Amino acid sequence: MVPRQPWFQRRFTFDLPVAAAPGLIERLRGTPARLVDRLSGLFAARLTTRIGDRWSIQENAGHLGDLEPLWMTRVHDLAVGRVELEAADLENRKTFQAHHNDRPLREILSEFRTARKRWYPSSRRPTRPIGSARRFIPASRPQCVFSTSPFSSRSTTTITWPRSVS
């Protein structure tokens, strides 16, 4: 098995052509269905088992739903031209407080699908181009600088996580 790279050690760059936008949007739209496909048929004990201090499969699924409001807010921030994007809670309090392992999986998946459906219509009707701009997440948070719109002719995005985050 290939070891997973810790989230805060990942680096993201986007140099996607405009033609990539429909495929990316479709991947985002289809995530709830892929999640149902991957998790259906797994026993509850497998879904809710933690290994060390790592989240269970079910907690990871719940975390996706927990992040949807942040995702929606950041999409809105970009669409209206905000320079400072909404900061994430790097302690993931919402996920820890949700006790996803104590909830039915079907409820978690249904909530995620509903939240993602609220996002999807806005992705098809941009109100204005994001254009060339620099955006960032507040200094105490991971820094994200967008040099151009992800769906302009070309773009570059670099996300640098603070060293104190592990």
N, C-alpha and C. Protein backbone atom coordinates (compact mmCIF):
# COMPACT_ATOMS: atom_id res chain seq x y z
N MET A 1 0.84 -1.18 0.00
CA MET A 1 0.00 0.00 0.00
C MET A 1 0.89 1.25 0.00
N VAL A 2 0.54 2.19 -0.82
CA VAL A 2 1.28 3.45 -0.91
C VAL A 2 0.86 4.33 0.27
N PRO A 3 1.83 4.85 1.04
CA PRO A 3 1.46 5.71 2.17
C PRO A 3 0.82 7.00 1.68
N ARG A 4 -0.17 7.47 2.43
CA ARG A 4 -0.83 8.72 2.08
C ARG A 4 -0.01 9.91 2.53
N GLN A 5 -0.03 10.94 1.72
CA GLN A 5 0.66 12.17 2.08
C GLN A 5 -0.24 12.96 3.02
N PRO A 6 0.27 13.38 4.18
CA PRO A 6 -0.57 14.17 5.09
C PRO A 6 -1.11 15.42 4.39
N TRP A 7 -2.35 15.77 4.72
CA TRP A 7 -3.05 16.86 4.05
C TRP A 7 -2.23 18.15 4.01
N PHE A 8 -1.66 18.54 5.15
CA PHE A 8 -0.97 19.81 5.21
C PHE A 8 0.41 19.78 4.57
N GLN A 9 0.82 18.65 4.06
CA GLN A 9 2.07 18.58 3.29
C GLN A 9 1.79 18.61 1.79
N ARG A 10 0.54 18.60 1.40
CA ARG A 10 0.18 18.62 -0.01
C ARG A 10 0.36 20.01 -0.60
N ARG A 11 0.68 20.06 -1.86
CA ARG A 11 0.79 21.30 -2.61
C ARG A 11 -0.15 21.19 -3.80
N PHE A 12 -0.87 22.23 -4.08
CA PHE A 12 -1.85 22.22 -5.15
C PHE A 12 -1.49 23.28 -6.17
N THR A 13 -1.53 22.92 -7.42
CA THR A 13 -1.39 23.89 -8.49
C THR A 13 -2.47 23.61 -9.51
N PHE A 14 -3.00 24.65 -10.05
CA PHE A 14 -4.05 24.52 -11.06
C PHE A 14 -3.62 25.33 -12.28
N ASP A 15 -3.31 24.63 -13.32
CA ASP A 15 -3.00 25.31 -14.57
C ASP A 15 -3.92 24.73 -15.64
N LEU A 16 -5.18 24.72 -15.28
CA LEU A 16 -6.20 24.11 -16.12
C LEU A 16 -6.66 25.05 -17.23
N PRO A 17 -6.85 24.54 -18.43
CA PRO A 17 -7.46 25.36 -19.47
C PRO A 17 -8.96 25.49 -19.21
N VAL A 18 -9.57 26.47 -19.82
CA VAL A 18 -11.01 26.68 -19.66
C VAL A 18 -11.79 25.41 -19.99
N ALA A 19 -11.31 24.66 -20.96
CA ALA A 19 -12.00 23.44 -21.38
C ALA A 19 -12.09 22.40 -20.27
N ALA A 20 -11.29 22.52 -19.22
CA ALA A 20 -11.33 21.56 -18.11
C ALA A 20 -12.47 21.84 -17.12
N ALA A 21 -13.04 23.03 -17.17
CA ALA A 21 -14.08 23.42 -16.21
C ALA A 21 -15.25 22.45 -16.15
N PRO A 22 -15.85 22.05 -17.27
CA PRO A 22 -17.01 21.15 -17.18
C PRO A 22 -16.66 19.81 -16.51
N GLY A 23 -15.50 19.27 -16.78
CA GLY A 23 -15.11 18.01 -16.15
C GLY A 23 -14.89 18.15 -14.66
N LEU A 24 -14.26 19.24 -14.25
CA LEU A 24 -14.04 19.48 -12.84
C LEU A 24 -15.37 19.67 -12.11
N ILE A 25 -16.26 20.45 -12.69
CA ILE A 25 -17.57 20.67 -12.08
C ILE A 25 -18.34 19.36 -11.99
N GLU A 26 -18.25 18.54 -13.02
CA GLU A 26 -18.95 17.25 -12.99
C GLU A 26 -18.38 16.34 -11.90
N ARG A 27 -17.07 16.36 -11.70
CA ARG A 27 -16.46 15.55 -10.62
C ARG A 27 -16.99 16.01 -9.27
N LEU A 28 -17.08 17.32 -9.07
CA LEU A 28 -17.61 17.83 -7.82
C LEU A 28 -19.08 17.45 -7.64
N ARG A 29 -19.85 17.58 -8.72
CA ARG A 29 -21.27 17.24 -8.65
C ARG A 29 -21.47 15.76 -8.36
N GLY A 30 -20.60 14.91 -8.91
CA GLY A 30 -20.76 13.47 -8.77
C GLY A 30 -20.17 12.87 -7.51
N THR A 31 -19.52 13.68 -6.68
CA THR A 31 -18.88 13.14 -5.48
C THR A 31 -19.87 12.43 -4.55
N PRO A 32 -21.06 12.97 -4.28
CA PRO A 32 -21.98 12.24 -3.40
C PRO A 32 -22.32 10.83 -3.92
N ALA A 33 -22.55 10.71 -5.21
CA ALA A 33 -22.88 9.39 -5.76
C ALA A 33 -21.69 8.44 -5.66
N ARG A 34 -20.49 8.94 -5.91
CA ARG A 34 -19.31 8.09 -5.78
C ARG A 34 -19.10 7.66 -4.34
N LEU A 35 -19.40 8.53 -3.40
CA LEU A 35 -19.26 8.20 -1.99
C LEU A 35 -20.25 7.10 -1.60
N VAL A 36 -21.48 7.22 -2.04
CA VAL A 36 -22.48 6.17 -1.79
C VAL A 36 -22.00 4.85 -2.37
N ASP A 37 -21.51 4.89 -3.60
CA ASP A 37 -21.02 3.67 -4.26
C ASP A 37 -19.89 3.02 -3.47
N ARG A 38 -18.96 3.81 -2.99
CA ARG A 38 -17.80 3.27 -2.27
C ARG A 38 -18.16 2.73 -0.90
N LEU A 39 -19.14 3.34 -0.23
CA LEU A 39 -19.42 2.98 1.15
C LEU A 39 -20.57 1.99 1.31
N SER A 40 -21.42 1.88 0.31
CA SER A 40 -22.55 0.94 0.39
C SER A 40 -22.03 -0.48 0.54
N GLY A 41 -22.61 -1.20 1.45
CA GLY A 41 -22.24 -2.59 1.65
C GLY A 41 -21.15 -2.81 2.68
N LEU A 42 -20.51 -1.73 3.15
CA LEU A 42 -19.53 -1.90 4.21
C LEU A 42 -20.25 -2.03 5.55
N PHE A 43 -19.76 -2.90 6.40
CA PHE A 43 -20.36 -3.08 7.71
C PHE A 43 -20.09 -1.87 8.60
N ALA A 44 -21.00 -1.60 9.51
CA ALA A 44 -20.87 -0.45 10.41
C ALA A 44 -19.55 -0.49 11.17
N ALA A 45 -19.13 -1.68 11.59
CA ALA A 45 -17.87 -1.79 12.33
C ALA A 45 -16.69 -1.31 11.48
N ARG A 46 -16.71 -1.59 10.20
CA ARG A 46 -15.64 -1.14 9.30
C ARG A 46 -15.72 0.37 9.09
N LEU A 47 -16.93 0.88 8.94
CA LEU A 47 -17.13 2.31 8.70
C LEU A 47 -16.73 3.18 9.88
N THR A 48 -16.90 2.68 11.08
CA THR A 48 -16.70 3.50 12.28
C THR A 48 -15.42 3.20 13.05
N THR A 49 -14.59 2.33 12.51
CA THR A 49 -13.33 2.00 13.19
C THR A 49 -12.28 3.07 12.95
N ARG A 50 -11.69 3.51 14.04
CA ARG A 50 -10.59 4.46 13.97
C ARG A 50 -9.28 3.70 14.09
N ILE A 51 -8.28 4.17 13.41
CA ILE A 51 -6.94 3.61 13.56
C ILE A 51 -6.10 4.70 14.20
N GLY A 52 -5.72 4.47 15.44
CA GLY A 52 -5.01 5.49 16.20
C GLY A 52 -5.90 6.71 16.38
N ASP A 53 -5.36 7.87 16.10
CA ASP A 53 -6.14 9.10 16.24
C ASP A 53 -6.74 9.57 14.92
N ARG A 54 -6.68 8.70 13.91
CA ARG A 54 -7.21 9.06 12.58
C ARG A 54 -8.72 8.83 12.54
N TRP A 55 -9.41 9.66 11.79
CA TRP A 55 -10.85 9.51 11.67
C TRP A 55 -11.21 8.20 10.99
N SER A 56 -12.40 7.74 11.29
CA SER A 56 -12.95 6.57 10.63
C SER A 56 -13.42 6.94 9.23
N ILE A 57 -13.78 5.95 8.45
CA ILE A 57 -14.33 6.19 7.11
C ILE A 57 -15.58 7.07 7.23
N GLN A 58 -16.44 6.74 8.18
CA GLN A 58 -17.70 7.47 8.34
C GLN A 58 -17.44 8.91 8.78
N GLU A 59 -16.47 9.12 9.64
CA GLU A 59 -16.13 10.48 10.05
C GLU A 59 -15.57 11.29 8.87
N ASN A 60 -14.80 10.65 8.03
CA ASN A 60 -14.29 11.34 6.83
C ASN A 60 -15.45 11.73 5.92
N ALA A 61 -16.42 10.83 5.76
CA ALA A 61 -17.60 11.15 4.94
C ALA A 61 -18.36 12.33 5.55
N GLY A 62 -18.54 12.30 6.86
CA GLY A 62 -19.21 13.41 7.53
C GLY A 62 -18.45 14.71 7.40
N HIS A 63 -17.13 14.63 7.43
CA HIS A 63 -16.29 15.81 7.30
C HIS A 63 -16.52 16.51 5.96
N LEU A 64 -16.72 15.73 4.90
CA LEU A 64 -17.02 16.34 3.60
C LEU A 64 -18.26 17.22 3.68
N GLY A 65 -19.30 16.71 4.34
CA GLY A 65 -20.51 17.51 4.52
C GLY A 65 -20.28 18.71 5.42
N ASP A 66 -19.45 18.52 6.44
CA ASP A 66 -19.15 19.63 7.35
C ASP A 66 -18.45 20.77 6.63
N LEU A 67 -17.69 20.46 5.59
CA LEU A 67 -16.94 21.48 4.86
C LEU A 67 -17.75 22.21 3.80
N GLU A 68 -18.90 21.68 3.43
CA GLU A 68 -19.69 22.31 2.36
C GLU A 68 -20.00 23.79 2.61
N PRO A 69 -20.40 24.19 3.83
CA PRO A 69 -20.66 25.63 4.03
C PRO A 69 -19.42 26.49 3.76
N LEU A 70 -18.24 26.01 4.15
CA LEU A 70 -17.00 26.75 3.89
C LEU A 70 -16.76 26.84 2.39
N TRP A 71 -16.93 25.72 1.70
CA TRP A 71 -16.75 25.67 0.25
C TRP A 71 -17.69 26.67 -0.43
N MET A 72 -18.96 26.65 -0.02
CA MET A 72 -19.94 27.57 -0.60
C MET A 72 -19.54 29.03 -0.34
N THR A 73 -19.09 29.31 0.86
CA THR A 73 -18.70 30.67 1.21
C THR A 73 -17.50 31.11 0.38
N ARG A 74 -16.52 30.23 0.20
CA ARG A 74 -15.34 30.60 -0.59
C ARG A 74 -15.69 30.79 -2.07
N VAL A 75 -16.57 29.97 -2.61
CA VAL A 75 -17.00 30.17 -4.00
C VAL A 75 -17.66 31.54 -4.12
N HIS A 76 -18.51 31.88 -3.16
CA HIS A 76 -19.16 33.19 -3.16
C HIS A 76 -18.12 34.30 -3.03
N ASP A 77 -17.15 34.13 -2.11
CA ASP A 77 -16.09 35.14 -1.93
C ASP A 77 -15.38 35.41 -3.26
N LEU A 78 -15.05 34.35 -3.98
CA LEU A 78 -14.38 34.52 -5.27
C LEU A 78 -15.29 35.21 -6.28
N ALA A 79 -16.55 34.80 -6.30
CA ALA A 79 -17.49 35.35 -7.28
C ALA A 79 -17.73 36.85 -7.08
N VAL A 80 -17.71 37.30 -5.84
CA VAL A 80 -17.96 38.73 -5.59
C VAL A 80 -16.67 39.53 -5.50
N GLY A 81 -15.53 38.89 -5.73
CA GLY A 81 -14.27 39.59 -5.79
C GLY A 81 -13.60 39.89 -4.47
N ARG A 82 -13.98 39.16 -3.42
CA ARG A 82 -13.32 39.40 -2.13
C ARG A 82 -11.85 39.01 -2.22
N VAL A 83 -11.01 39.78 -1.58
CA VAL A 83 -9.58 39.50 -1.57
C VAL A 83 -9.26 38.48 -0.48
N GLU A 84 -9.94 38.57 0.66
CA GLU A 84 -9.70 37.65 1.75
C GLU A 84 -10.80 36.60 1.77
N LEU A 85 -10.40 35.34 1.62
CA LEU A 85 -11.36 34.24 1.62
C LEU A 85 -11.65 33.80 3.05
N GLU A 86 -12.80 33.23 3.25
CA GLU A 86 -13.20 32.71 4.56
C GLU A 86 -12.16 31.73 5.08
N ALA A 87 -11.78 31.88 6.34
CA ALA A 87 -10.79 31.00 6.96
C ALA A 87 -11.46 29.69 7.40
N ALA A 88 -10.72 28.62 7.31
CA ALA A 88 -11.19 27.31 7.77
C ALA A 88 -10.86 27.15 9.24
N ASP A 89 -11.63 26.31 9.91
CA ASP A 89 -11.32 25.92 11.28
C ASP A 89 -10.37 24.73 11.19
N LEU A 90 -9.09 24.98 11.37
CA LEU A 90 -8.09 23.93 11.20
C LEU A 90 -8.14 22.88 12.30
N GLU A 91 -8.91 23.14 13.35
CA GLU A 91 -9.09 22.14 14.40
C GLU A 91 -10.27 21.22 14.10
N ASN A 92 -11.02 21.53 13.06
CA ASN A 92 -12.16 20.71 12.63
C ASN A 92 -13.16 20.45 13.75
N ARG A 93 -13.45 21.48 14.52
CA ARG A 93 -14.38 21.33 15.65
C ARG A 93 -15.74 20.78 15.22
N LYS A 94 -16.23 21.27 14.09
CA LYS A 94 -17.55 20.82 13.64
C LYS A 94 -17.59 19.30 13.45
N THR A 95 -16.54 18.76 12.86
CA THR A 95 -16.50 17.31 12.62
C THR A 95 -16.39 16.55 13.94
N PHE A 96 -15.55 17.01 14.84
CA PHE A 96 -15.42 16.32 16.12
C PHE A 96 -16.70 16.41 16.94
N GLN A 97 -17.39 17.55 16.90
CA GLN A 97 -18.61 17.72 17.68
C GLN A 97 -19.81 17.00 17.07
N ALA A 98 -19.72 16.64 15.80
CA ALA A 98 -20.85 16.00 15.11
C ALA A 98 -21.04 14.54 15.51
N HIS A 99 -20.02 13.91 16.03
CA HIS A 99 -20.10 12.49 16.42
C HIS A 99 -20.66 11.64 15.28
N HIS A 100 -20.04 11.77 14.11
CA HIS A 100 -20.52 11.07 12.92
C HIS A 100 -20.59 9.55 13.09
N ASN A 101 -19.75 8.97 13.92
CA ASN A 101 -19.81 7.52 14.12
C ASN A 101 -21.07 7.08 14.84
N ASP A 102 -21.75 8.00 15.52
CA ASP A 102 -22.98 7.67 16.23
C ASP A 102 -24.22 7.92 15.39
N ARG A 103 -24.04 8.35 14.16
CA ARG A 103 -25.16 8.67 13.28
C ARG A 103 -25.30 7.62 12.20
N PRO A 104 -26.49 7.46 11.63
CA PRO A 104 -26.63 6.53 10.51
C PRO A 104 -25.88 7.05 9.28
N LEU A 105 -25.18 6.17 8.59
CA LEU A 105 -24.44 6.56 7.39
C LEU A 105 -25.36 7.17 6.36
N ARG A 106 -26.54 6.61 6.17
CA ARG A 106 -27.46 7.14 5.14
C ARG A 106 -27.81 8.60 5.41
N GLU A 107 -27.90 8.98 6.68
CA GLU A 107 -28.19 10.37 7.04
C GLU A 107 -27.00 11.28 6.66
N ILE A 108 -25.80 10.84 6.94
CA ILE A 108 -24.59 11.60 6.61
C ILE A 108 -24.50 11.80 5.10
N LEU A 109 -24.71 10.71 4.35
CA LEU A 109 -24.61 10.79 2.89
C LEU A 109 -25.72 11.65 2.30
N SER A 110 -26.91 11.56 2.86
CA SER A 110 -28.04 12.37 2.39
C SER A 110 -27.77 13.86 2.63
N GLU A 111 -27.25 14.19 3.80
CA GLU A 111 -26.94 15.59 4.10
C GLU A 111 -25.86 16.13 3.17
N PHE A 112 -24.86 15.31 2.86
CA PHE A 112 -23.81 15.74 1.95
C PHE A 112 -24.37 15.97 0.56
N ARG A 113 -25.21 15.05 0.08
CA ARG A 113 -25.81 15.20 -1.24
C ARG A 113 -26.65 16.48 -1.30
N THR A 114 -27.44 16.73 -0.28
CA THR A 114 -28.28 17.94 -0.24
C THR A 114 -27.42 19.19 -0.26
N ALA A 115 -26.36 19.20 0.55
CA ALA A 115 -25.48 20.38 0.59
C ALA A 115 -24.80 20.59 -0.75
N ARG A 116 -24.35 19.53 -1.38
CA ARG A 116 -23.65 19.66 -2.66
C ARG A 116 -24.63 20.12 -3.74
N LYS A 117 -25.88 19.70 -3.68
CA LYS A 117 -26.87 20.16 -4.66
C LYS A 117 -27.10 21.65 -4.55
N ARG A 118 -26.97 22.21 -3.35
CA ARG A 118 -27.13 23.66 -3.19
C ARG A 118 -26.00 24.39 -3.91
N TRP A 119 -24.82 23.79 -3.96
CA TRP A 119 -23.69 24.41 -4.64
C TRP A 119 -23.80 24.28 -6.15
N TYR A 120 -24.19 23.13 -6.62
CA TYR A 120 -24.09 22.82 -8.05
C TYR A 120 -24.79 23.83 -8.96
N PRO A 121 -25.99 24.27 -8.69
CA PRO A 121 -26.60 25.25 -9.61
C PRO A 121 -25.79 26.53 -9.76
N SER A 122 -25.14 26.99 -8.69
CA SER A 122 -24.37 28.24 -8.80
C SER A 122 -23.14 28.05 -9.67
N SER A 123 -22.65 26.83 -9.79
CA SER A 123 -21.45 26.60 -10.60
C SER A 123 -21.76 26.69 -12.09
N ARG A 124 -23.03 26.56 -12.45
CA ARG A 124 -23.40 26.61 -13.87
C ARG A 124 -23.71 28.01 -14.35
N ARG A 125 -23.97 28.93 -13.41
CA ARG A 125 -24.36 30.27 -13.80
C ARG A 125 -23.50 31.32 -13.13
N PRO A 126 -22.24 31.45 -13.54
CA PRO A 126 -21.42 32.48 -12.89
C PRO A 126 -22.01 33.85 -13.16
N THR A 127 -22.03 34.69 -12.13
CA THR A 127 -22.62 36.02 -12.28
C THR A 127 -21.65 36.99 -12.94
N ARG A 128 -20.34 36.74 -12.78
CA ARG A 128 -19.33 37.56 -13.43
C ARG A 128 -18.02 36.78 -13.40
N PRO A 129 -17.12 37.08 -14.30
CA PRO A 129 -15.84 36.37 -14.27
C PRO A 129 -15.04 36.75 -13.02
N ILE A 130 -14.31 35.79 -12.49
CA ILE A 130 -13.47 36.07 -11.33
C ILE A 130 -12.30 36.94 -11.76
N GLY A 131 -11.78 36.68 -12.96
CA GLY A 131 -10.73 37.53 -13.52
C GLY A 131 -9.40 37.37 -12.80
N SER A 132 -8.50 38.21 -13.19
CA SER A 132 -7.16 38.17 -12.62
C SER A 132 -7.17 38.91 -11.29
N ALA A 133 -6.81 38.20 -10.25
CA ALA A 133 -6.80 38.81 -8.92
C ALA A 133 -5.95 37.97 -7.99
N ARG A 134 -5.58 38.57 -6.89
CA ARG A 134 -4.88 37.82 -5.85
C ARG A 134 -5.84 37.66 -4.69
N ARG A 135 -5.96 36.46 -4.20
CA ARG A 135 -6.85 36.16 -3.08
C ARG A 135 -6.03 35.43 -2.03
N PHE A 136 -6.44 35.54 -0.78
CA PHE A 136 -5.73 34.80 0.25
C PHE A 136 -6.66 34.46 1.40
N ILE A 137 -6.24 33.47 2.16
CA ILE A 137 -6.93 33.09 3.38
C ILE A 137 -6.16 33.80 4.49
N PRO A 138 -6.82 34.29 5.53
CA PRO A 138 -6.16 35.08 6.56
C PRO A 138 -4.83 34.48 7.03
N ALA A 139 -3.91 35.35 7.42
CA ALA A 139 -2.52 34.99 7.70
C ALA A 139 -2.35 33.85 8.70
N SER A 140 -3.23 33.73 9.66
CA SER A 140 -3.09 32.66 10.64
C SER A 140 -3.55 31.31 10.08
N ARG A 141 -4.03 31.33 8.89
CA ARG A 141 -4.54 30.13 8.23
C ARG A 141 -3.67 29.78 7.04
N PRO A 142 -3.93 28.64 6.40
CA PRO A 142 -3.18 28.34 5.18
C PRO A 142 -3.34 29.49 4.18
N GLN A 143 -2.32 29.77 3.46
CA GLN A 143 -2.37 30.88 2.51
C GLN A 143 -2.68 30.35 1.12
N CYS A 144 -3.61 30.97 0.48
CA CYS A 144 -4.03 30.54 -0.85
C CYS A 144 -4.04 31.76 -1.75
N VAL A 145 -3.19 31.76 -2.75
CA VAL A 145 -3.11 32.91 -3.65
C VAL A 145 -3.54 32.48 -5.04
N PHE A 146 -4.56 33.13 -5.57
CA PHE A 146 -5.05 32.85 -6.91
C PHE A 146 -4.51 33.94 -7.82
N SER A 147 -3.66 33.57 -8.76
CA SER A 147 -3.13 34.61 -9.64
C SER A 147 -4.10 34.94 -10.76
N THR A 148 -4.92 34.00 -11.15
CA THR A 148 -6.00 34.26 -12.10
C THR A 148 -7.13 33.30 -11.80
N SER A 149 -8.24 33.49 -12.46
CA SER A 149 -9.38 32.60 -12.28
C SER A 149 -9.00 31.19 -12.70
N PRO A 150 -9.47 30.17 -11.95
CA PRO A 150 -9.20 28.80 -12.37
C PRO A 150 -9.76 28.49 -13.76
N PHE A 151 -10.71 29.28 -14.23
CA PHE A 151 -11.31 28.99 -15.52
C PHE A 151 -11.16 30.16 -16.49
N SER A 152 -10.07 30.91 -16.35
CA SER A 152 -9.71 31.86 -17.39
C SER A 152 -8.88 31.06 -18.40
N SER A 153 -8.11 31.71 -19.22
CA SER A 153 -7.36 30.95 -20.22
C SER A 153 -6.33 30.03 -19.56
N ARG A 154 -5.64 30.47 -18.53
CA ARG A 154 -4.71 29.64 -17.75
C ARG A 154 -4.69 30.20 -16.33
N SER A 155 -4.36 29.38 -15.36
CA SER A 155 -4.28 29.90 -14.00
C SER A 155 -3.24 29.14 -13.21
N THR A 156 -2.83 29.76 -12.14
CA THR A 156 -1.92 29.12 -11.21
C THR A 156 -2.42 29.40 -9.81
N THR A 157 -2.53 28.37 -9.01
CA THR A 157 -2.92 28.52 -7.62
C THR A 157 -1.88 27.81 -6.78
N THR A 158 -1.41 28.47 -5.77
CA THR A 158 -0.48 27.84 -4.86
C THR A 158 -1.04 27.92 -3.47
N ILE A 159 -1.05 26.80 -2.77
CA ILE A 159 -1.51 26.79 -1.39
C ILE A 159 -0.32 26.40 -0.54
N THR A 160 0.03 27.25 0.39
CA THR A 160 1.13 26.97 1.29
C THR A 160 0.58 26.89 2.70
N TRP A 161 0.77 25.77 3.34
CA TRP A 161 0.27 25.58 4.71
C TRP A 161 1.30 26.11 5.69
N PRO A 162 0.85 26.70 6.81
CA PRO A 162 1.79 27.20 7.82
C PRO A 162 2.60 26.04 8.40
N ARG A 163 3.83 26.29 8.77
CA ARG A 163 4.69 25.24 9.33
C ARG A 163 4.16 24.70 10.65
N SER A 164 3.43 25.50 11.42
CA SER A 164 2.95 25.05 12.73
C SER A 164 1.83 24.04 12.63
N VAL A 165 1.22 23.89 11.47
CA VAL A 165 0.12 22.96 11.30
C VAL A 165 0.70 21.60 10.93
N SER A 166 0.18 20.55 11.59
CA SER A 166 0.68 19.21 11.25
C SER A 166 -0.44 18.30 10.84
